[in-house]
Amino acid sequence: MGSSHEDLSPPWVPATQFGAVIFDLFGTLVPNFSKLELERVLCEMATLLGAPPQHVVRLWLDTFPQRAVGTFPTIEVNIGTFTARSM
């Protein structure tokens, strides 16, 4: 008996194979931080890192495009780049 993959889709849905599913988490499934809350968290992070809060806030916001497209392999690498520039 061979294996068969029965299509269980409703008749109005074309049968397709998907290789991936992409979720837009932030602002869709996960609520966004308010600007005030984001700045508070970044100031706390700056204090823990011993970096000037105003620089960390600015550099965190400036590196958003790189985070969004995956330029930084980890969040630690991203934090390392702006903490090095803010000292």
N, C-alpha and C. Protein backbone atom coordinates (compact mmCIF):
# COMPACT_ATOMS: atom_id res chain seq x y z
N MET A 1 0.84 -1.17 0.00
CA MET A 1 0.00 0.00 0.00
C MET A 1 0.89 1.24 0.00
N GLY A 2 0.81 2.08 -1.04
CA GLY A 2 1.61 3.28 -1.12
C GLY A 2 1.03 4.40 -0.27
N SER A 3 1.87 5.36 0.06
CA SER A 3 1.35 6.49 0.85
C SER A 3 0.73 7.50 -0.09
N SER A 4 -0.38 8.05 0.33
CA SER A 4 -1.03 9.08 -0.47
C SER A 4 -1.28 10.28 0.42
N HIS A 5 -1.21 11.43 -0.17
CA HIS A 5 -1.47 12.67 0.56
C HIS A 5 -2.77 13.23 0.05
N GLU A 6 -3.82 12.99 0.79
CA GLU A 6 -5.14 13.44 0.39
C GLU A 6 -5.25 14.94 0.60
N ASP A 7 -5.77 15.64 -0.39
CA ASP A 7 -5.98 17.08 -0.27
C ASP A 7 -7.24 17.31 0.53
N LEU A 8 -7.07 17.90 1.73
CA LEU A 8 -8.20 18.15 2.61
C LEU A 8 -8.70 19.59 2.51
N SER A 9 -8.19 20.34 1.54
CA SER A 9 -8.62 21.74 1.37
C SER A 9 -10.05 21.78 0.88
N PRO A 10 -10.79 22.83 1.26
CA PRO A 10 -12.13 23.01 0.68
C PRO A 10 -12.01 23.15 -0.84
N PRO A 11 -13.03 22.79 -1.56
CA PRO A 11 -12.95 22.80 -3.03
C PRO A 11 -12.66 24.16 -3.64
N TRP A 12 -12.96 25.26 -2.94
CA TRP A 12 -12.72 26.59 -3.49
C TRP A 12 -11.29 27.08 -3.23
N VAL A 13 -10.47 26.31 -2.49
CA VAL A 13 -9.09 26.68 -2.21
C VAL A 13 -8.18 25.87 -3.11
N PRO A 14 -7.37 26.53 -3.95
CA PRO A 14 -6.47 25.76 -4.82
C PRO A 14 -5.45 24.97 -4.01
N ALA A 15 -5.16 23.77 -4.45
CA ALA A 15 -4.17 22.93 -3.78
C ALA A 15 -2.78 23.48 -4.08
N THR A 16 -2.05 23.83 -3.04
CA THR A 16 -0.69 24.33 -3.19
C THR A 16 0.17 23.75 -2.09
N GLN A 17 1.46 23.80 -2.29
CA GLN A 17 2.39 23.39 -1.26
C GLN A 17 3.12 24.63 -0.78
N PHE A 18 3.24 24.75 0.53
CA PHE A 18 3.92 25.90 1.10
C PHE A 18 5.24 25.45 1.69
N GLY A 19 6.29 26.21 1.44
CA GLY A 19 7.59 25.92 2.02
C GLY A 19 7.84 26.71 3.29
N ALA A 20 7.01 27.72 3.54
CA ALA A 20 7.20 28.55 4.73
C ALA A 20 5.93 29.30 5.04
N VAL A 21 5.82 29.71 6.28
CA VAL A 21 4.74 30.58 6.72
C VAL A 21 5.40 31.76 7.42
N ILE A 22 5.00 32.96 7.05
CA ILE A 22 5.58 34.17 7.64
C ILE A 22 4.52 34.85 8.49
N PHE A 23 4.90 35.15 9.73
CA PHE A 23 4.01 35.87 10.63
C PHE A 23 4.55 37.27 10.85
N ASP A 24 3.69 38.24 10.77
CA ASP A 24 4.02 39.62 11.10
C ASP A 24 3.63 39.81 12.56
N LEU A 25 4.59 39.61 13.47
CA LEU A 25 4.28 39.62 14.89
C LEU A 25 3.98 41.00 15.43
N PHE A 26 4.90 41.94 15.25
CA PHE A 26 4.83 43.21 15.97
C PHE A 26 3.79 44.14 15.36
N GLY A 27 2.86 44.53 16.19
CA GLY A 27 1.76 45.36 15.75
C GLY A 27 0.59 44.57 15.22
N THR A 28 0.77 43.27 15.04
CA THR A 28 -0.30 42.40 14.55
C THR A 28 -0.67 41.39 15.62
N LEU A 29 0.24 40.46 15.90
CA LEU A 29 -0.01 39.45 16.93
C LEU A 29 0.51 39.87 18.30
N VAL A 30 1.54 40.72 18.30
CA VAL A 30 2.14 41.22 19.54
C VAL A 30 1.97 42.74 19.53
N PRO A 31 1.36 43.31 20.57
CA PRO A 31 1.18 44.76 20.58
C PRO A 31 2.52 45.50 20.60
N ASN A 32 2.57 46.63 19.93
CA ASN A 32 3.78 47.47 19.95
C ASN A 32 3.91 48.17 21.29
N PHE A 33 5.16 48.46 21.67
CA PHE A 33 5.41 49.31 22.83
C PHE A 33 4.96 50.72 22.48
N SER A 34 4.53 51.46 23.48
CA SER A 34 4.33 52.90 23.26
C SER A 34 5.72 53.52 23.18
N LYS A 35 5.82 54.70 22.59
CA LYS A 35 7.13 55.36 22.47
C LYS A 35 7.71 55.63 23.86
N LEU A 36 6.87 56.05 24.80
CA LEU A 36 7.33 56.33 26.16
C LEU A 36 7.86 55.05 26.82
N GLU A 37 7.13 53.95 26.66
CA GLU A 37 7.56 52.68 27.25
C GLU A 37 8.86 52.19 26.61
N LEU A 38 8.97 52.32 25.30
CA LEU A 38 10.19 51.92 24.61
C LEU A 38 11.39 52.72 25.12
N GLU A 39 11.24 54.03 25.23
CA GLU A 39 12.34 54.86 25.71
C GLU A 39 12.71 54.53 27.15
N ARG A 40 11.72 54.20 27.98
CA ARG A 40 12.00 53.81 29.37
C ARG A 40 12.83 52.53 29.40
N VAL A 41 12.45 51.54 28.60
CA VAL A 41 13.19 50.27 28.55
C VAL A 41 14.61 50.50 28.03
N LEU A 42 14.75 51.32 27.00
CA LEU A 42 16.08 51.60 26.44
C LEU A 42 16.96 52.34 27.45
N CYS A 43 16.37 53.25 28.23
CA CYS A 43 17.14 53.95 29.27
C CYS A 43 17.59 52.99 30.36
N GLU A 44 16.72 52.05 30.73
CA GLU A 44 17.11 51.02 31.70
C GLU A 44 18.26 50.18 31.15
N MET A 45 18.15 49.81 29.88
CA MET A 45 19.19 49.01 29.24
C MET A 45 20.51 49.80 29.22
N ALA A 46 20.45 51.07 28.89
CA ALA A 46 21.65 51.92 28.86
C ALA A 46 22.30 51.98 30.24
N THR A 47 21.50 52.13 31.27
CA THR A 47 22.02 52.17 32.63
C THR A 47 22.75 50.87 32.96
N LEU A 48 22.15 49.74 32.62
CA LEU A 48 22.79 48.45 32.88
C LEU A 48 24.10 48.29 32.11
N LEU A 49 24.16 48.88 30.92
CA LEU A 49 25.36 48.78 30.08
C LEU A 49 26.39 49.86 30.40
N GLY A 50 26.00 50.84 31.22
CA GLY A 50 26.91 51.94 31.52
C GLY A 50 27.10 52.88 30.35
N ALA A 51 26.09 53.00 29.52
CA ALA A 51 26.16 53.86 28.33
C ALA A 51 25.20 55.04 28.52
N PRO A 52 25.49 56.17 27.86
CA PRO A 52 24.59 57.33 27.97
C PRO A 52 23.21 57.00 27.37
N PRO A 53 22.14 57.16 28.15
CA PRO A 53 20.80 56.79 27.68
C PRO A 53 20.39 57.46 26.37
N GLN A 54 20.67 58.76 26.21
CA GLN A 54 20.23 59.45 24.99
C GLN A 54 20.90 58.86 23.74
N HIS A 55 22.14 58.41 23.87
CA HIS A 55 22.83 57.80 22.73
C HIS A 55 22.26 56.42 22.42
N VAL A 56 21.96 55.66 23.47
CA VAL A 56 21.41 54.32 23.26
C VAL A 56 20.04 54.41 22.59
N VAL A 57 19.21 55.34 23.05
CA VAL A 57 17.89 55.51 22.44
C VAL A 57 18.04 55.85 20.96
N ARG A 58 18.89 56.84 20.66
CA ARG A 58 19.07 57.26 19.26
C ARG A 58 19.62 56.13 18.40
N LEU A 59 20.66 55.45 18.91
CA LEU A 59 21.28 54.39 18.11
C LEU A 59 20.38 53.18 17.98
N TRP A 60 19.56 52.88 18.98
CA TRP A 60 18.60 51.77 18.87
C TRP A 60 17.59 52.07 17.76
N LEU A 61 17.08 53.29 17.77
CA LEU A 61 16.12 53.68 16.73
C LEU A 61 16.79 53.70 15.35
N ASP A 62 18.04 54.18 15.30
CA ASP A 62 18.77 54.24 14.02
C ASP A 62 19.07 52.86 13.44
N THR A 63 19.20 51.85 14.30
CA THR A 63 19.54 50.51 13.79
C THR A 63 18.30 49.64 13.55
N PHE A 64 17.11 50.23 13.65
CA PHE A 64 15.89 49.45 13.39
C PHE A 64 15.90 48.81 11.99
N PRO A 65 16.24 49.55 10.94
CA PRO A 65 16.21 48.92 9.61
C PRO A 65 17.09 47.66 9.53
N GLN A 66 18.25 47.69 10.16
CA GLN A 66 19.14 46.52 10.14
C GLN A 66 18.53 45.36 10.93
N ARG A 67 17.88 45.65 12.07
CA ARG A 67 17.21 44.57 12.82
C ARG A 67 16.07 44.00 12.02
N ALA A 68 15.33 44.86 11.35
CA ALA A 68 14.14 44.42 10.61
C ALA A 68 14.47 43.46 9.47
N VAL A 69 15.63 43.63 8.86
CA VAL A 69 15.98 42.77 7.72
C VAL A 69 16.98 41.67 8.08
N GLY A 70 17.36 41.59 9.36
CA GLY A 70 18.22 40.50 9.80
C GLY A 70 19.70 40.71 9.57
N THR A 71 20.14 41.96 9.47
CA THR A 71 21.56 42.25 9.29
C THR A 71 22.38 41.76 10.47
N PHE A 72 21.84 41.92 11.67
CA PHE A 72 22.54 41.46 12.87
C PHE A 72 22.17 40.01 13.14
N PRO A 73 23.16 39.13 13.28
CA PRO A 73 22.84 37.72 13.50
C PRO A 73 22.17 37.46 14.85
N THR A 74 22.44 38.32 15.85
CA THR A 74 21.80 38.20 17.16
C THR A 74 21.55 39.59 17.71
N ILE A 75 20.68 39.66 18.70
CA ILE A 75 20.42 40.94 19.35
C ILE A 75 21.65 41.42 20.10
N GLU A 76 22.46 40.47 20.58
CA GLU A 76 23.69 40.84 21.28
C GLU A 76 24.66 41.57 20.35
N VAL A 77 24.73 41.13 19.10
CA VAL A 77 25.59 41.81 18.12
C VAL A 77 25.08 43.23 17.88
N ASN A 78 23.76 43.38 17.75
CA ASN A 78 23.18 44.71 17.57
C ASN A 78 23.50 45.60 18.77
N ILE A 79 23.27 45.12 19.96
CA ILE A 79 23.56 45.91 21.17
C ILE A 79 25.04 46.25 21.24
N GLY A 80 25.89 45.31 20.88
CA GLY A 80 27.33 45.56 20.88
C GLY A 80 27.72 46.67 19.94
N THR A 81 27.08 46.77 18.79
CA THR A 81 27.44 47.82 17.84
C THR A 81 27.06 49.20 18.35
N PHE A 82 25.90 49.32 18.96
CA PHE A 82 25.56 50.68 19.40
C PHE A 82 26.15 51.03 20.75
N THR A 83 26.45 50.07 21.59
CA THR A 83 27.12 50.42 22.84
C THR A 83 28.56 50.84 22.56
N ALA A 84 29.20 50.19 21.59
CA ALA A 84 30.58 50.58 21.23
C ALA A 84 30.60 52.00 20.68
N ARG A 85 29.57 52.36 19.89
CA ARG A 85 29.52 53.71 19.30
C ARG A 85 29.08 54.77 20.29
N SER A 86 28.43 54.37 21.39
CA SER A 86 27.88 55.39 22.30
C SER A 86 28.84 55.74 23.42
N MET A 87 29.94 55.02 23.53
CA MET A 87 30.89 55.27 24.64
C MET A 87 31.87 56.35 24.25
